[in-house]
């Protein structure tokens, strides 16, 4: 039997933020700068995880290239394409519904802290979150630390994420999970992580939040 639902944990990139095309383009630009052929979009969706440094190094970007330098490249690209990303359809409905139910809402994202803070300001949605955790990588550690910080039992929380990696991390901790197939992860990979619920549109989250 499930515990009473107390909290909704949500991922950002590819879940609340519809930014796959911009993320892919920024990745391709980095590979181009190093003179390396970029993976296709499907390849990118198949292999990308929050450990982006490993992703680049495995595909030929020099091992001397560190996380801060990749973040600088990415931020420079994003600056010139900042308005090409938008909230995912249904994002606001999910957030307002969760708030109306009195749920604790925690944003747990691997996104670079300054970028995430700026995005929340851009869309004026910071007020919907009781807790924001950027740079949450590895995802399991980030989720565990937020659970501890909010004194929440994993079984009383549900995590909404668009990757098999995120779903697996949450399930390992004993959280309930919702796999969203409209973001970064390939649907078959997300399904393979065995989320409690599998959705293709964020609005499908709303009935799953009933306690």
N, C-alpha and C. Protein backbone atom coordinates (compact mmCIF):
# COMPACT_ATOMS: atom_id res chain seq x y z
N UNK A 1 0.85 -1.20 0.00
CA UNK A 1 0.00 0.00 0.00
C UNK A 1 0.89 1.24 0.00
N UNK A 2 0.54 2.22 -0.84
CA UNK A 2 1.32 3.44 -0.91
C UNK A 2 1.05 4.33 0.29
N UNK A 3 2.09 5.04 0.72
CA UNK A 3 1.91 6.08 1.71
C UNK A 3 1.11 7.22 1.07
N UNK A 4 0.52 8.05 1.91
CA UNK A 4 -0.17 9.25 1.42
C UNK A 4 0.84 10.13 0.69
N UNK A 5 0.48 10.62 -0.47
CA UNK A 5 1.39 11.43 -1.26
C UNK A 5 1.57 12.80 -0.61
N UNK A 6 2.83 13.16 -0.35
CA UNK A 6 3.14 14.43 0.30
C UNK A 6 3.92 15.39 -0.61
N UNK A 7 4.62 14.83 -1.60
CA UNK A 7 5.50 15.69 -2.38
C UNK A 7 5.62 15.23 -3.82
N UNK A 8 5.75 16.22 -4.69
CA UNK A 8 6.03 15.98 -6.11
C UNK A 8 7.42 16.51 -6.39
N UNK A 9 8.30 15.62 -6.81
CA UNK A 9 9.64 15.99 -7.24
C UNK A 9 9.60 16.02 -8.78
N UNK A 10 10.22 17.05 -9.36
CA UNK A 10 10.15 17.21 -10.81
C UNK A 10 11.53 17.54 -11.38
N UNK A 11 11.83 16.94 -12.50
CA UNK A 11 13.02 17.26 -13.27
C UNK A 11 12.74 18.52 -14.11
N UNK A 12 13.79 19.14 -14.63
CA UNK A 12 13.64 20.38 -15.39
C UNK A 12 13.82 20.17 -16.89
N UNK A 13 15.05 19.97 -17.35
CA UNK A 13 15.32 19.88 -18.79
C UNK A 13 14.60 18.68 -19.40
N UNK A 14 13.79 18.94 -20.41
CA UNK A 14 13.06 17.88 -21.08
C UNK A 14 11.79 17.46 -20.37
N UNK A 15 11.57 17.98 -19.17
CA UNK A 15 10.36 17.64 -18.43
C UNK A 15 9.48 18.88 -18.31
N UNK A 16 9.90 19.85 -17.51
CA UNK A 16 9.15 21.10 -17.47
C UNK A 16 9.59 22.06 -18.57
N UNK A 17 10.86 21.95 -18.98
CA UNK A 17 11.37 22.82 -20.04
C UNK A 17 11.51 22.04 -21.34
N UNK A 18 10.90 22.56 -22.39
CA UNK A 18 10.96 21.94 -23.71
C UNK A 18 12.20 22.48 -24.43
N UNK A 19 13.33 21.83 -24.19
CA UNK A 19 14.60 22.37 -24.69
C UNK A 19 15.47 21.34 -25.40
N UNK A 20 14.89 20.22 -25.81
CA UNK A 20 15.70 19.18 -26.44
C UNK A 20 16.39 19.70 -27.70
N UNK A 21 15.69 20.44 -28.54
CA UNK A 21 16.28 20.89 -29.81
C UNK A 21 17.44 21.84 -29.55
N UNK A 22 17.31 22.73 -28.57
CA UNK A 22 18.38 23.66 -28.25
C UNK A 22 19.56 22.92 -27.62
N UNK A 23 19.26 21.98 -26.75
CA UNK A 23 20.32 21.20 -26.09
C UNK A 23 21.11 20.40 -27.13
N UNK A 24 20.39 19.79 -28.05
CA UNK A 24 21.06 19.01 -29.09
C UNK A 24 21.93 19.92 -29.97
N UNK A 25 21.40 21.06 -30.34
CA UNK A 25 22.15 21.98 -31.19
C UNK A 25 23.40 22.50 -30.49
N UNK A 26 23.29 22.76 -29.17
CA UNK A 26 24.47 23.23 -28.44
C UNK A 26 25.53 22.14 -28.36
N UNK A 27 25.08 20.90 -28.19
CA UNK A 27 26.00 19.76 -28.17
C UNK A 27 26.71 19.63 -29.51
N UNK A 28 25.93 19.72 -30.59
CA UNK A 28 26.51 19.59 -31.93
C UNK A 28 27.53 20.69 -32.20
N UNK A 29 27.26 21.89 -31.70
CA UNK A 29 28.19 23.01 -31.89
C UNK A 29 29.51 22.75 -31.17
N UNK A 30 29.45 22.13 -30.00
CA UNK A 30 30.67 21.82 -29.26
C UNK A 30 31.51 20.80 -30.04
N UNK A 31 30.85 19.76 -30.56
CA UNK A 31 31.59 18.77 -31.35
C UNK A 31 32.21 19.41 -32.59
N UNK A 32 31.46 20.29 -33.24
CA UNK A 32 31.97 20.97 -34.43
C UNK A 32 33.21 21.78 -34.10
N UNK A 33 33.18 22.43 -32.95
CA UNK A 33 34.33 23.25 -32.53
C UNK A 33 35.58 22.40 -32.37
N UNK A 34 35.40 21.15 -31.97
CA UNK A 34 36.54 20.24 -31.80
C UNK A 34 36.82 19.42 -33.07
N UNK A 35 36.07 19.70 -34.14
CA UNK A 35 36.30 18.99 -35.39
C UNK A 35 35.86 17.54 -35.35
N UNK A 36 34.84 17.24 -34.56
CA UNK A 36 34.35 15.87 -34.39
C UNK A 36 32.92 15.79 -34.88
N UNK A 37 32.59 14.70 -35.59
CA UNK A 37 31.21 14.52 -36.06
C UNK A 37 30.29 14.33 -34.85
N UNK A 38 29.20 15.05 -34.82
CA UNK A 38 28.26 14.97 -33.70
C UNK A 38 27.35 13.75 -33.84
N UNK A 39 26.92 13.16 -32.72
CA UNK A 39 25.93 12.08 -32.79
C UNK A 39 24.64 12.60 -33.40
N UNK A 40 23.86 11.70 -33.99
CA UNK A 40 22.53 12.09 -34.48
C UNK A 40 21.63 12.36 -33.28
N UNK A 41 20.47 12.95 -33.54
CA UNK A 41 19.53 13.24 -32.46
C UNK A 41 19.11 11.96 -31.75
N UNK A 42 18.82 10.91 -32.51
CA UNK A 42 18.42 9.65 -31.87
C UNK A 42 19.55 9.07 -31.03
N UNK A 43 20.78 9.16 -31.54
CA UNK A 43 21.93 8.68 -30.76
C UNK A 43 22.07 9.49 -29.47
N UNK A 44 21.91 10.78 -29.60
CA UNK A 44 21.98 11.68 -28.45
C UNK A 44 20.94 11.30 -27.41
N UNK A 45 19.71 11.09 -27.85
CA UNK A 45 18.63 10.73 -26.92
C UNK A 45 18.87 9.35 -26.30
N UNK A 46 19.57 8.51 -27.01
CA UNK A 46 19.80 7.15 -26.53
C UNK A 46 20.86 7.10 -25.44
N UNK A 47 21.82 8.01 -25.52
CA UNK A 47 22.97 7.88 -24.62
C UNK A 47 23.12 9.01 -23.61
N UNK A 48 22.48 10.15 -23.82
CA UNK A 48 22.73 11.30 -22.94
C UNK A 48 22.23 11.02 -21.52
N UNK A 49 23.07 11.35 -20.55
CA UNK A 49 22.68 11.27 -19.15
C UNK A 49 23.12 12.58 -18.49
N UNK A 50 22.89 12.71 -17.20
CA UNK A 50 23.32 13.93 -16.51
C UNK A 50 24.84 14.01 -16.42
N UNK A 51 25.54 12.90 -16.68
CA UNK A 51 27.00 12.92 -16.68
C UNK A 51 27.48 13.33 -18.07
N UNK A 52 27.30 14.62 -18.39
CA UNK A 52 27.60 15.07 -19.75
C UNK A 52 29.10 15.08 -20.03
N UNK A 53 29.92 15.22 -19.00
CA UNK A 53 31.36 15.22 -19.22
C UNK A 53 31.81 13.88 -19.80
N UNK A 54 31.32 12.79 -19.24
CA UNK A 54 31.63 11.46 -19.74
C UNK A 54 31.13 11.30 -21.17
N UNK A 55 29.96 11.84 -21.45
CA UNK A 55 29.36 11.78 -22.80
C UNK A 55 30.32 12.37 -23.84
N UNK A 56 30.86 13.54 -23.55
CA UNK A 56 31.77 14.19 -24.50
C UNK A 56 33.10 13.47 -24.60
N UNK A 57 33.66 13.10 -23.48
CA UNK A 57 34.97 12.44 -23.50
C UNK A 57 34.92 11.12 -24.26
N UNK A 58 33.84 10.37 -24.10
CA UNK A 58 33.72 9.08 -24.78
C UNK A 58 33.62 9.24 -26.30
N UNK A 59 33.27 10.43 -26.73
CA UNK A 59 33.09 10.65 -28.17
C UNK A 59 34.17 11.51 -28.78
N UNK A 60 35.30 11.62 -28.11
CA UNK A 60 36.47 12.23 -28.72
C UNK A 60 36.85 13.61 -28.27
N UNK A 61 36.01 14.27 -27.47
CA UNK A 61 36.41 15.58 -26.94
C UNK A 61 37.58 15.33 -25.97
N UNK A 62 38.67 16.09 -26.09
CA UNK A 62 39.87 15.83 -25.28
C UNK A 62 39.56 15.69 -23.79
N UNK A 63 40.22 14.74 -23.14
CA UNK A 63 39.99 14.49 -21.72
C UNK A 63 40.42 15.67 -20.86
N UNK A 64 41.22 16.56 -21.44
CA UNK A 64 41.62 17.76 -20.70
C UNK A 64 40.49 18.78 -20.61
N UNK A 65 39.45 18.58 -21.41
CA UNK A 65 38.29 19.48 -21.38
C UNK A 65 37.46 19.17 -20.13
N UNK A 66 37.30 20.16 -19.26
CA UNK A 66 36.61 19.91 -18.00
C UNK A 66 35.17 20.43 -18.03
N UNK A 67 34.46 20.14 -16.97
CA UNK A 67 33.04 20.51 -16.86
C UNK A 67 32.82 22.03 -16.99
N UNK A 68 33.60 22.88 -16.28
CA UNK A 68 33.39 24.32 -16.42
C UNK A 68 33.56 24.83 -17.85
N UNK A 69 34.54 24.28 -18.57
CA UNK A 69 34.75 24.76 -19.94
C UNK A 69 33.59 24.35 -20.85
N UNK A 70 33.07 23.14 -20.65
CA UNK A 70 31.90 22.72 -21.43
C UNK A 70 30.69 23.57 -21.09
N UNK A 71 30.54 23.90 -19.81
CA UNK A 71 29.43 24.77 -19.41
C UNK A 71 29.56 26.15 -20.06
N UNK A 72 30.79 26.65 -20.18
CA UNK A 72 30.99 27.95 -20.83
C UNK A 72 30.59 27.88 -22.29
N UNK A 73 30.97 26.81 -22.98
CA UNK A 73 30.58 26.63 -24.38
C UNK A 73 29.06 26.59 -24.50
N UNK A 74 28.46 25.80 -23.63
CA UNK A 74 27.01 25.62 -23.69
C UNK A 74 26.28 26.93 -23.40
N UNK A 75 26.74 27.65 -22.39
CA UNK A 75 26.09 28.91 -22.04
C UNK A 75 26.21 29.92 -23.16
N UNK A 76 27.38 29.97 -23.81
CA UNK A 76 27.56 30.91 -24.92
C UNK A 76 26.56 30.60 -26.04
N UNK A 77 26.37 29.31 -26.34
CA UNK A 77 25.40 28.93 -27.36
C UNK A 77 23.98 29.28 -26.92
N UNK A 78 23.67 28.98 -25.67
CA UNK A 78 22.33 29.23 -25.16
C UNK A 78 21.99 30.72 -25.14
N UNK A 79 22.99 31.54 -24.89
CA UNK A 79 22.74 32.99 -24.88
C UNK A 79 22.18 33.46 -26.21
N UNK A 80 22.69 32.89 -27.29
CA UNK A 80 22.23 33.32 -28.61
C UNK A 80 20.97 32.59 -29.06
N UNK A 81 20.52 31.61 -28.26
CA UNK A 81 19.30 30.87 -28.59
C UNK A 81 18.38 30.80 -27.37
N UNK A 82 18.50 31.78 -26.48
CA UNK A 82 17.83 31.73 -25.19
C UNK A 82 16.32 31.57 -25.31
N UNK A 83 15.74 32.27 -26.25
CA UNK A 83 14.28 32.27 -26.37
C UNK A 83 13.74 31.15 -27.25
N UNK A 84 14.61 30.22 -27.63
CA UNK A 84 14.16 29.08 -28.43
C UNK A 84 13.59 27.95 -27.57
N UNK A 85 13.72 28.06 -26.26
CA UNK A 85 13.16 27.07 -25.35
C UNK A 85 11.92 27.64 -24.67
N UNK A 86 10.97 26.79 -24.39
CA UNK A 86 9.72 27.22 -23.76
C UNK A 86 9.31 26.19 -22.72
N UNK A 87 8.38 26.56 -21.87
CA UNK A 87 7.83 25.58 -20.95
C UNK A 87 7.12 24.50 -21.73
N UNK A 88 7.20 23.29 -21.24
CA UNK A 88 6.51 22.16 -21.88
C UNK A 88 5.00 22.36 -21.75
N UNK A 89 4.23 22.04 -22.78
CA UNK A 89 2.77 22.13 -22.66
C UNK A 89 2.29 21.35 -21.43
N UNK A 90 1.46 22.00 -20.64
CA UNK A 90 0.93 21.36 -19.45
C UNK A 90 1.75 21.60 -18.19
N UNK A 91 2.93 22.21 -18.33
CA UNK A 91 3.79 22.41 -17.16
C UNK A 91 3.11 23.26 -16.09
N UNK A 92 2.55 24.38 -16.49
CA UNK A 92 1.91 25.26 -15.51
C UNK A 92 0.71 24.60 -14.86
N UNK A 93 -0.05 23.83 -15.63
CA UNK A 93 -1.21 23.14 -15.06
C UNK A 93 -0.79 22.15 -13.98
N UNK A 94 0.29 21.44 -14.23
CA UNK A 94 0.78 20.47 -13.24
C UNK A 94 1.23 21.19 -11.97
N UNK A 95 1.99 22.27 -12.14
CA UNK A 95 2.50 23.00 -10.98
C UNK A 95 1.38 23.63 -10.16
N UNK A 96 0.42 24.25 -10.82
CA UNK A 96 -0.67 24.89 -10.09
C UNK A 96 -1.55 23.84 -9.41
N UNK A 97 -1.74 22.69 -10.05
CA UNK A 97 -2.55 21.64 -9.44
C UNK A 97 -1.85 21.08 -8.20
N UNK A 98 -0.56 20.83 -8.33
CA UNK A 98 0.20 20.31 -7.18
C UNK A 98 0.13 21.28 -6.01
N UNK A 99 0.24 22.56 -6.32
CA UNK A 99 0.17 23.59 -5.28
C UNK A 99 -1.22 23.63 -4.65
N UNK A 100 -2.25 23.47 -5.48
CA UNK A 100 -3.62 23.50 -4.95
C UNK A 100 -3.90 22.31 -4.03
N UNK A 101 -3.19 21.22 -4.23
CA UNK A 101 -3.35 20.03 -3.39
C UNK A 101 -2.55 20.13 -2.09
N UNK A 102 -1.74 21.17 -1.99
CA UNK A 102 -0.91 21.33 -0.80
C UNK A 102 0.32 20.45 -0.79
N UNK A 103 0.70 19.93 -1.95
CA UNK A 103 1.89 19.09 -2.03
C UNK A 103 3.15 19.94 -1.94
N UNK A 104 4.18 19.38 -1.33
CA UNK A 104 5.51 19.98 -1.42
C UNK A 104 5.99 19.73 -2.84
N UNK A 105 6.52 20.77 -3.48
CA UNK A 105 7.01 20.63 -4.85
C UNK A 105 8.50 20.94 -4.87
N UNK A 106 9.29 19.96 -5.31
CA UNK A 106 10.74 20.11 -5.34
C UNK A 106 11.25 19.95 -6.77
N UNK A 107 12.01 20.92 -7.23
CA UNK A 107 12.64 20.85 -8.55
C UNK A 107 14.04 20.30 -8.36
N UNK A 108 14.32 19.16 -8.97
CA UNK A 108 15.62 18.50 -8.81
C UNK A 108 16.21 18.32 -10.20
N UNK A 109 17.23 19.09 -10.51
CA UNK A 109 17.74 19.14 -11.88
C UNK A 109 19.26 19.11 -11.91
N UNK A 110 19.80 18.51 -12.96
CA UNK A 110 21.25 18.54 -13.17
C UNK A 110 21.70 19.85 -13.80
N UNK A 111 20.77 20.74 -14.10
CA UNK A 111 21.10 22.00 -14.77
C UNK A 111 22.05 22.85 -13.92
N UNK A 112 22.94 23.54 -14.60
CA UNK A 112 23.88 24.49 -13.99
C UNK A 112 23.08 25.54 -13.22
N UNK A 113 23.47 25.81 -11.96
CA UNK A 113 22.68 26.66 -11.06
C UNK A 113 22.33 28.04 -11.64
N UNK A 114 23.28 28.78 -12.21
CA UNK A 114 22.92 30.11 -12.74
C UNK A 114 21.90 30.04 -13.88
N UNK A 115 22.02 29.01 -14.72
CA UNK A 115 21.08 28.87 -15.83
C UNK A 115 19.69 28.54 -15.31
N UNK A 116 19.61 27.63 -14.35
CA UNK A 116 18.31 27.25 -13.81
C UNK A 116 17.64 28.44 -13.13
N UNK A 117 18.40 29.20 -12.35
CA UNK A 117 17.82 30.37 -11.67
C UNK A 117 17.29 31.38 -12.68
N UNK A 118 18.04 31.57 -13.75
CA UNK A 118 17.61 32.52 -14.78
C UNK A 118 16.36 32.04 -15.50
N UNK A 119 16.29 30.73 -15.76
CA UNK A 119 15.12 30.17 -16.42
C UNK A 119 13.86 30.35 -15.55
N UNK A 120 14.00 30.09 -14.26
CA UNK A 120 12.84 30.22 -13.38
C UNK A 120 12.34 31.67 -13.36
N UNK A 121 13.29 32.61 -13.44
CA UNK A 121 12.90 34.01 -13.53
C UNK A 121 12.26 34.35 -14.87
N UNK A 122 12.81 33.77 -15.92
CA UNK A 122 12.28 34.01 -17.27
C UNK A 122 10.81 33.65 -17.37
N UNK A 123 10.44 32.51 -16.77
CA UNK A 123 9.06 32.04 -16.88
C UNK A 123 8.22 32.38 -15.65
N UNK A 124 8.81 33.10 -14.70
CA UNK A 124 8.10 33.54 -13.48
C UNK A 124 7.40 32.40 -12.79
N UNK A 125 8.13 31.30 -12.55
CA UNK A 125 7.50 30.13 -11.92
C UNK A 125 8.19 29.71 -10.62
N UNK A 126 9.13 30.51 -10.16
CA UNK A 126 9.84 30.15 -8.94
C UNK A 126 8.93 29.95 -7.74
N UNK A 127 7.79 30.65 -7.73
CA UNK A 127 6.90 30.57 -6.57
C UNK A 127 6.22 29.22 -6.43
N UNK A 128 6.29 28.40 -7.46
CA UNK A 128 5.64 27.09 -7.39
C UNK A 128 6.49 26.04 -6.67
N UNK A 129 7.74 26.36 -6.41
CA UNK A 129 8.64 25.36 -5.84
C UNK A 129 8.98 25.66 -4.39
N UNK A 130 8.83 24.64 -3.57
CA UNK A 130 9.21 24.76 -2.17
C UNK A 130 10.71 24.55 -2.00
N UNK A 131 11.30 23.86 -2.96
CA UNK A 131 12.73 23.60 -2.90
C UNK A 131 13.25 23.46 -4.33
N UNK A 132 14.41 24.06 -4.60
CA UNK A 132 15.05 23.94 -5.91
C UNK A 132 16.47 23.43 -5.70
N UNK A 133 16.76 22.32 -6.35
CA UNK A 133 18.11 21.74 -6.25
C UNK A 133 18.73 21.66 -7.65
N UNK A 134 19.64 22.60 -7.97
CA UNK A 134 20.36 22.52 -9.25
C UNK A 134 21.56 21.60 -9.12
N UNK A 135 22.24 21.38 -10.23
CA UNK A 135 23.48 20.57 -10.25
C UNK A 135 23.29 19.24 -9.54
N UNK A 136 22.12 18.64 -9.69
CA UNK A 136 21.81 17.37 -9.01
C UNK A 136 22.34 16.20 -9.82
N UNK A 137 23.63 15.99 -9.71
CA UNK A 137 24.26 14.86 -10.38
C UNK A 137 25.30 14.27 -9.45
N UNK A 138 25.33 12.96 -9.28
CA UNK A 138 24.37 12.00 -9.86
C UNK A 138 22.96 12.24 -9.33
N UNK A 139 21.97 11.91 -10.14
CA UNK A 139 20.58 12.21 -9.79
C UNK A 139 20.17 11.52 -8.49
N UNK A 140 20.63 10.29 -8.30
CA UNK A 140 20.24 9.58 -7.07
C UNK A 140 20.71 10.33 -5.83
N UNK A 141 21.93 10.83 -5.87
CA UNK A 141 22.45 11.58 -4.72
C UNK A 141 21.65 12.86 -4.50
N UNK A 142 21.34 13.55 -5.58
CA UNK A 142 20.56 14.78 -5.47
C UNK A 142 19.19 14.52 -4.86
N UNK A 143 18.52 13.48 -5.35
CA UNK A 143 17.21 13.14 -4.79
C UNK A 143 17.31 12.78 -3.31
N UNK A 144 18.32 11.99 -2.97
CA UNK A 144 18.48 11.56 -1.58
C UNK A 144 18.70 12.76 -0.66
N UNK A 145 19.51 13.70 -1.11
CA UNK A 145 19.81 14.87 -0.28
C UNK A 145 18.58 15.76 -0.10
N UNK A 146 17.76 15.88 -1.15
CA UNK A 146 16.55 16.69 -1.03
C UNK A 146 15.54 16.00 -0.11
N UNK A 147 15.40 14.70 -0.24
CA UNK A 147 14.52 13.94 0.65
C UNK A 147 14.92 14.16 2.11
N UNK A 148 16.22 14.07 2.38
CA UNK A 148 16.70 14.25 3.75
C UNK A 148 16.48 15.68 4.22
N UNK A 149 16.77 16.63 3.35
CA UNK A 149 16.63 18.04 3.72
C UNK A 149 15.18 18.43 4.03
N UNK A 150 14.24 17.78 3.36
CA UNK A 150 12.82 18.08 3.58
C UNK A 150 12.17 17.09 4.56
N UNK A 151 12.97 16.18 5.10
CA UNK A 151 12.49 15.16 6.05
C UNK A 151 11.30 14.38 5.49
N UNK A 152 11.46 13.91 4.26
CA UNK A 152 10.40 13.18 3.59
C UNK A 152 10.77 11.70 3.42
N UNK A 153 9.79 10.84 3.63
CA UNK A 153 9.98 9.42 3.33
C UNK A 153 9.85 9.23 1.82
N UNK A 154 10.75 8.48 1.20
CA UNK A 154 10.68 8.28 -0.26
C UNK A 154 9.31 7.80 -0.74
N UNK A 155 8.68 6.90 0.01
CA UNK A 155 7.41 6.32 -0.42
C UNK A 155 6.28 7.33 -0.44
N UNK A 156 6.48 8.49 0.20
CA UNK A 156 5.44 9.53 0.21
C UNK A 156 5.66 10.55 -0.91
N UNK A 157 6.63 10.28 -1.78
CA UNK A 157 6.99 11.22 -2.85
C UNK A 157 6.89 10.55 -4.21
N UNK A 158 6.59 11.35 -5.21
CA UNK A 158 6.56 10.85 -6.59
C UNK A 158 7.48 11.73 -7.43
N UNK A 159 8.26 11.12 -8.32
CA UNK A 159 9.22 11.85 -9.13
C UNK A 159 8.83 11.78 -10.59
N UNK A 160 8.75 12.93 -11.23
CA UNK A 160 8.40 13.06 -12.64
C UNK A 160 9.66 13.39 -13.43
N UNK A 161 10.03 12.51 -14.36
CA UNK A 161 11.29 12.68 -15.08
C UNK A 161 11.17 12.11 -16.49
N UNK A 162 12.02 12.62 -17.39
CA UNK A 162 11.95 12.22 -18.80
C UNK A 162 13.09 11.30 -19.21
N UNK A 163 13.81 10.72 -18.23
CA UNK A 163 14.91 9.82 -18.58
C UNK A 163 14.85 8.53 -17.77
N UNK A 164 15.37 7.47 -18.36
CA UNK A 164 15.47 6.20 -17.64
C UNK A 164 16.40 6.34 -16.45
N UNK A 165 17.44 7.13 -16.60
CA UNK A 165 18.39 7.37 -15.51
C UNK A 165 17.69 7.94 -14.28
N UNK A 166 16.86 8.95 -14.49
CA UNK A 166 16.16 9.57 -13.37
C UNK A 166 15.15 8.65 -12.73
N UNK A 167 14.41 7.91 -13.56
CA UNK A 167 13.42 6.98 -13.04
C UNK A 167 14.10 5.89 -12.21
N UNK A 168 15.20 5.37 -12.72
CA UNK A 168 15.93 4.32 -12.01
C UNK A 168 16.45 4.82 -10.67
N UNK A 169 16.97 6.04 -10.66
CA UNK A 169 17.49 6.62 -9.42
C UNK A 169 16.38 6.74 -8.37
N UNK A 170 15.22 7.24 -8.79
CA UNK A 170 14.11 7.43 -7.85
C UNK A 170 13.58 6.09 -7.34
N UNK A 171 13.47 5.12 -8.24
CA UNK A 171 12.99 3.81 -7.82
C UNK A 171 13.95 3.14 -6.84
N UNK A 172 15.24 3.33 -7.05
CA UNK A 172 16.23 2.78 -6.14
C UNK A 172 16.04 3.31 -4.73
N UNK A 173 15.61 4.56 -4.63
CA UNK A 173 15.41 5.19 -3.33
C UNK A 173 14.05 4.85 -2.72
N UNK A 174 13.18 4.21 -3.49
CA UNK A 174 11.86 3.87 -2.98
C UNK A 174 10.79 4.89 -3.26
N UNK A 175 11.07 5.82 -4.18
CA UNK A 175 10.08 6.82 -4.56
C UNK A 175 9.13 6.25 -5.61
N UNK A 176 7.95 6.78 -5.69
CA UNK A 176 7.06 6.49 -6.81
C UNK A 176 7.56 7.28 -8.03
N UNK A 177 7.23 6.82 -9.22
CA UNK A 177 7.80 7.46 -10.40
C UNK A 177 6.78 7.62 -11.53
N UNK A 178 6.96 8.72 -12.27
CA UNK A 178 6.20 8.97 -13.49
C UNK A 178 7.21 9.20 -14.60
N UNK A 179 7.19 8.36 -15.61
CA UNK A 179 8.09 8.51 -16.75
C UNK A 179 7.39 9.30 -17.86
N UNK A 180 8.02 10.41 -18.26
CA UNK A 180 7.46 11.28 -19.30
C UNK A 180 8.21 11.05 -20.61
N UNK A 181 7.49 10.65 -21.65
CA UNK A 181 8.15 10.28 -22.91
C UNK A 181 8.26 11.43 -23.91
N UNK A 182 7.91 12.65 -23.50
CA UNK A 182 7.95 13.78 -24.43
C UNK A 182 9.19 14.62 -24.35
N UNK A 183 10.24 14.11 -23.67
CA UNK A 183 11.43 14.92 -23.49
C UNK A 183 12.67 14.29 -24.11
N UNK A 184 13.72 14.15 -23.32
CA UNK A 184 15.01 13.68 -23.83
C UNK A 184 15.04 12.17 -24.08
N UNK A 185 14.58 11.40 -23.13
CA UNK A 185 14.74 9.96 -23.22
C UNK A 185 13.88 9.32 -24.28
N UNK A 186 14.40 8.27 -24.91
CA UNK A 186 13.59 7.52 -25.86
C UNK A 186 12.51 6.76 -25.09
N UNK A 187 11.26 6.75 -25.60
CA UNK A 187 10.16 6.11 -24.88
C UNK A 187 10.44 4.68 -24.44
N UNK A 188 11.08 3.90 -25.32
CA UNK A 188 11.33 2.51 -24.95
C UNK A 188 12.33 2.38 -23.81
N UNK A 189 13.26 3.34 -23.70
CA UNK A 189 14.22 3.31 -22.61
C UNK A 189 13.54 3.70 -21.29
N UNK A 190 12.66 4.69 -21.35
CA UNK A 190 11.95 5.10 -20.14
C UNK A 190 11.04 3.98 -19.67
N UNK A 191 10.33 3.34 -20.60
CA UNK A 191 9.46 2.22 -20.24
C UNK A 191 10.27 1.09 -19.62
N UNK A 192 11.48 0.88 -20.13
CA UNK A 192 12.34 -0.18 -19.64
C UNK A 192 12.80 0.04 -18.20
N UNK A 193 12.76 1.30 -17.76
CA UNK A 193 13.13 1.61 -16.37
C UNK A 193 11.99 1.30 -15.40
N UNK A 194 10.84 0.89 -15.95
CA UNK A 194 9.68 0.45 -15.16
C UNK A 194 9.14 1.52 -14.20
N UNK A 195 8.79 2.69 -14.73
CA UNK A 195 8.14 3.68 -13.86
C UNK A 195 6.76 3.19 -13.44
N UNK A 196 6.26 3.73 -12.35
CA UNK A 196 4.91 3.36 -11.90
C UNK A 196 3.86 3.81 -12.91
N UNK A 197 4.14 4.92 -13.56
CA UNK A 197 3.22 5.46 -14.57
C UNK A 197 4.05 5.95 -15.75
N UNK A 198 3.51 5.80 -16.94
CA UNK A 198 4.16 6.25 -18.16
C UNK A 198 3.21 7.21 -18.87
N UNK A 199 3.66 8.43 -19.13
CA UNK A 199 2.80 9.44 -19.75
C UNK A 199 3.49 10.05 -20.96
N UNK A 200 2.69 10.55 -21.89
CA UNK A 200 3.25 11.20 -23.07
C UNK A 200 2.95 12.70 -23.08
N UNK A 201 2.10 13.16 -22.17
CA UNK A 201 1.78 14.58 -22.03
C UNK A 201 1.76 14.91 -20.55
N UNK A 202 2.32 16.07 -20.18
CA UNK A 202 2.42 16.42 -18.77
C UNK A 202 1.06 16.47 -18.07
N UNK A 203 0.01 16.86 -18.80
CA UNK A 203 -1.30 16.96 -18.14
C UNK A 203 -1.78 15.61 -17.61
N UNK A 204 -1.22 14.52 -18.13
CA UNK A 204 -1.58 13.20 -17.63
C UNK A 204 -1.09 12.98 -16.20
N UNK A 205 -0.22 13.88 -15.73
CA UNK A 205 0.26 13.82 -14.35
C UNK A 205 -0.85 14.15 -13.35
N UNK A 206 -1.73 15.05 -13.73
CA UNK A 206 -2.70 15.62 -12.78
C UNK A 206 -3.52 14.57 -12.05
N UNK A 207 -4.16 13.60 -12.73
CA UNK A 207 -4.91 12.61 -11.97
C UNK A 207 -4.05 11.68 -11.13
N UNK A 208 -2.76 11.63 -11.42
CA UNK A 208 -1.86 10.75 -10.66
C UNK A 208 -1.45 11.38 -9.33
N UNK A 209 -1.80 12.64 -9.12
CA UNK A 209 -1.43 13.32 -7.89
C UNK A 209 -2.51 13.24 -6.82
N UNK A 210 -3.61 12.57 -7.12
CA UNK A 210 -4.67 12.42 -6.12
C UNK A 210 -4.16 11.51 -5.01
N UNK A 211 -4.32 11.94 -3.80
CA UNK A 211 -3.85 11.16 -2.65
C UNK A 211 -4.92 10.21 -2.17
